[in-house]
Amino acid sequence: MNTLTRGRVVHLERNSNEMLVGRVNIDGVEKEVAFCYLPDVKVGDYVDVHTGFAMSKVEKNNTAAVHPTPAVAVVPRLSLSCERR
């Protein structure tokens, strides 16, 4: 499952195709991210990331409102039986 996560931009560069790419620190882990949707992003900005793409910039006063990512998937209990009826 891919979710929207929030992190801080720690590195930016242009790749061989002149696309803006870099790294975002998400909960202490740096992820490679493409910034083709955010050409005006700067190191230190907070962004929402989905499947390796920075989707939107987050205002500094809104960085605490992180999208929750559940640590454990909640699965409803089903009553299954292998008996033949």
C-alpha atoms as a PDB file:
ATOM      1  CA  MET A   1       0.000   0.000   0.000  1.00  0.00           C
ATOM      2  CA  ASN A   2       1.393   3.412  -0.944  1.00  0.00           C
ATOM      3  CA  THR A   3       0.425   6.270   1.314  1.00  0.00           C
ATOM      4  CA  LEU A   4       1.033   9.988   1.357  1.00  0.00           C
ATOM      5  CA  THR A   5       3.920  10.794   3.708  1.00  0.00           C
ATOM      6  CA  ARG A   6       5.432  14.085   4.803  1.00  0.00           C
ATOM      7  CA  GLY A   7       9.099  14.963   5.041  1.00  0.00           C
ATOM      8  CA  ARG A   8      11.749  17.673   4.812  1.00  0.00           C
ATOM      9  CA  VAL A   9      13.786  18.244   1.641  1.00  0.00           C
ATOM     10  CA  VAL A  10      17.481  17.676   2.459  1.00  0.00           C
ATOM     11  CA  HIS A  11      19.091  17.606  -1.016  1.00  0.00           C
ATOM     12  CA  LEU A  12      18.260  18.830  -4.534  1.00  0.00           C
ATOM     13  CA  GLU A  13      19.968  18.396  -7.901  1.00  0.00           C
ATOM     14  CA  ARG A  14      19.210  18.107 -11.613  1.00  0.00           C
ATOM     15  CA  ASN A  15      19.711  14.658 -13.120  1.00  0.00           C
ATOM     16  CA  SER A  16      21.053  13.906 -16.612  1.00  0.00           C
ATOM     17  CA  ASN A  17      17.590  14.656 -18.081  1.00  0.00           C
ATOM     18  CA  GLU A  18      17.515  18.034 -16.278  1.00  0.00           C
ATOM     19  CA  MET A  19      14.715  16.771 -14.003  1.00  0.00           C
ATOM     20  CA  LEU A  20      14.764  18.119 -10.440  1.00  0.00           C
ATOM     21  CA  VAL A  21      15.391  15.215  -8.039  1.00  0.00           C
ATOM     22  CA  GLY A  22      16.687  14.875  -4.503  1.00  0.00           C
ATOM     23  CA  ARG A  23      16.209  13.365  -1.073  1.00  0.00           C
ATOM     24  CA  VAL A  24      13.497  13.879   1.531  1.00  0.00           C
ATOM     25  CA  ASN A  25      13.903  12.944   5.198  1.00  0.00           C
ATOM     26  CA  ILE A  26      10.773  11.077   6.282  1.00  0.00           C
ATOM     27  CA  ASP A  27      10.837  10.070   9.965  1.00  0.00           C
ATOM     28  CA  GLY A  28      14.637   9.849   9.949  1.00  0.00           C
ATOM     29  CA  VAL A  29      14.884   7.895   6.683  1.00  0.00           C
ATOM     30  CA  GLU A  30      16.061   9.603   3.487  1.00  0.00           C
ATOM     31  CA  LYS A  31      14.098   8.697   0.356  1.00  0.00           C
ATOM     32  CA  GLU A  32      14.889   9.519  -3.288  1.00  0.00           C
ATOM     33  CA  VAL A  33      12.161  11.783  -4.654  1.00  0.00           C
ATOM     34  CA  ALA A  34      11.336  13.462  -7.984  1.00  0.00           C
ATOM     35  CA  PHE A  35      10.225  17.101  -7.794  1.00  0.00           C
ATOM     36  CA  CYS A  36       8.777  17.514 -11.309  1.00  0.00           C
ATOM     37  CA  TYR A  37       5.481  18.801  -9.833  1.00  0.00           C
ATOM     38  CA  LEU A  38       7.258  21.317  -7.546  1.00  0.00           C
ATOM     39  CA  PRO A  39       9.874  23.223  -9.576  1.00  0.00           C
ATOM     40  CA  ASP A  40      10.160  25.989  -6.932  1.00  0.00           C
ATOM     41  CA  VAL A  41      10.968  23.677  -3.972  1.00  0.00           C
ATOM     42  CA  LYS A  42      14.002  24.491  -1.808  1.00  0.00           C
ATOM     43  CA  VAL A  43      16.133  22.555   0.683  1.00  0.00           C
ATOM     44  CA  GLY A  44      14.395  22.811   4.059  1.00  0.00           C
ATOM     45  CA  ASP A  45      10.858  22.852   2.622  1.00  0.00           C
ATOM     46  CA  TYR A  46       8.359  20.261   3.798  1.00  0.00           C
ATOM     47  CA  VAL A  47       6.582  18.244   1.120  1.00  0.00           C
ATOM     48  CA  ASP A  48       4.006  15.484   0.841  1.00  0.00           C
ATOM     49  CA  VAL A  49       5.410  12.468  -1.033  1.00  0.00           C
ATOM     50  CA  HIS A  50       3.529   9.689  -2.826  1.00  0.00           C
ATOM     51  CA  THR A  51       5.217   6.826  -4.723  1.00  0.00           C
ATOM     52  CA  GLY A  52       8.496   8.700  -5.110  1.00  0.00           C
ATOM     53  CA  PHE A  53       7.032  12.028  -6.256  1.00  0.00           C
ATOM     54  CA  ALA A  54       6.722  15.213  -4.212  1.00  0.00           C
ATOM     55  CA  MET A  55       3.056  16.111  -4.658  1.00  0.00           C
ATOM     56  CA  SER A  56       2.657  19.345  -2.679  1.00  0.00           C
ATOM     57  CA  LYS A  57       4.547  21.793  -0.507  1.00  0.00           C
ATOM     58  CA  VAL A  58       3.463  22.180   3.107  1.00  0.00           C
ATOM     59  CA  GLU A  59       3.415  25.539   4.869  1.00  0.00           C
ATOM     60  CA  LYS A  60       5.725  25.707   7.910  1.00  0.00           C
ATOM     61  CA  ASN A  61       2.812  26.282  10.311  1.00  0.00           C
ATOM     62  CA  ASN A  62       1.109  23.093   9.041  1.00  0.00           C
ATOM     63  CA  THR A  63       3.991  20.610   9.293  1.00  0.00           C
ATOM     64  CA  ALA A  64       2.617  18.980  12.444  1.00  0.00           C
ATOM     65  CA  ALA A  65      -0.511  17.774  10.646  1.00  0.00           C
ATOM     66  CA  VAL A  66       1.116  14.653   9.249  1.00  0.00           C
ATOM     67  CA  HIS A  67      -1.009  12.121   7.421  1.00  0.00           C
ATOM     68  CA  PRO A  68      -1.241   9.091   9.677  1.00  0.00           C
ATOM     69  CA  THR A  69       0.407   5.911   8.481  1.00  0.00           C
ATOM     70  CA  PRO A  70      -0.827   2.924  10.461  1.00  0.00           C
ATOM     71  CA  ALA A  71       1.939   0.772  11.915  1.00  0.00           C
ATOM     72  CA  VAL A  72      -0.311  -2.275  11.951  1.00  0.00           C
ATOM     73  CA  ALA A  73      -2.946  -3.138   9.408  1.00  0.00           C
ATOM     74  CA  VAL A  74      -6.335  -3.729  10.971  1.00  0.00           C
ATOM     75  CA  VAL A  75      -7.998  -6.763   9.441  1.00  0.00           C
ATOM     76  CA  PRO A  76     -11.505  -7.786  10.457  1.00  0.00           C
ATOM     77  CA  ARG A  77     -11.747 -11.238  11.984  1.00  0.00           C
ATOM     78  CA  LEU A  78     -13.516 -13.706   9.773  1.00  0.00           C
ATOM     79  CA  SER A  79     -15.024 -16.953  10.854  1.00  0.00           C
ATOM     80  CA  LEU A  80     -13.586 -19.445   8.385  1.00  0.00           C
ATOM     81  CA  SER A  81     -14.083 -23.162   8.400  1.00  0.00           C
ATOM     82  CA  CYS A  82     -12.589 -25.932   6.298  1.00  0.00           C
ATOM     83  CA  GLU A  83     -15.420 -28.325   7.066  1.00  0.00           C
ATOM     84  CA  ARG A  84     -17.574 -29.605   4.242  1.00  0.00           C
ATOM     85  CA  ARG A  85     -21.246 -28.968   4.582  1.00  0.00           C
END
